[in-house]
Amino acid sequence: MKIKLLIIALLAIFIVGCNDKKDGDDNSSKSSDQTHANIDYGAPFDLTLIDESKMMLQKFDKGFKVEGNDEAILFNFFATWCPPCKAEIPHLNNLNDKFKGKLKIVSVLMEDKSKDEIDAFIKKFKINFDVAYGEGNFRFAKALGGVVGIPYMVLYRPNGEYATHYVGLVPEEMLESDINKVID
């Protein structure tokens, strides 16, 4: 009986995902409603990728325009301590390989980590897609209306229009099906 309860609890964690703030981790979300009350979320802003390049985004009524981009984009909000976030990495690697040139995957880190810590995480999990870190990530989450749980993914068409979003661990086949719909 105890084993059944344990299995149910573990399944619930993987299906629902993790909270966006780790218990006792005051640095996992730097932003507060008061701090961001005066920010114009329609103004352009950038995400810093792990290779130090910048991805310039601007919100518009149907989604986000990404400067210089002509591919569909899957933004994956995650944390390094989140078990479902770690579990989806091999699936995102597969999708990145399969849709190269048609889909850009960008993982958006929702915690404050040093570049060295992020590099070590990327190497450990063999991540083959872009990872964004820094304050721009928290601004992006707020511009979306908030990220209430992780993993949280948002899929955009090549023109920047919103397609769909996902909360929690999502089967690779479901992502693949939705990606095929937005790249055709």
Foldseek 3Di string as FASTA:
>chain_A
DVVVVVVVVVVCCQAQWAFQDDVPAPQLAPDDCVVCVPPDQQDWDWFQWLVRDIWIWGDDPFFIATPPFQAKEKEWEDELVIVNVLVCQVLVQVVCVVQPPHYAYEYEYRGDDDSVVVVVSCVVSVHPHIYTYDPVSNSVQVSVVHDGHPRKMWIAASRGGTQDIDGGRDDSVVVVVSSVVRRD
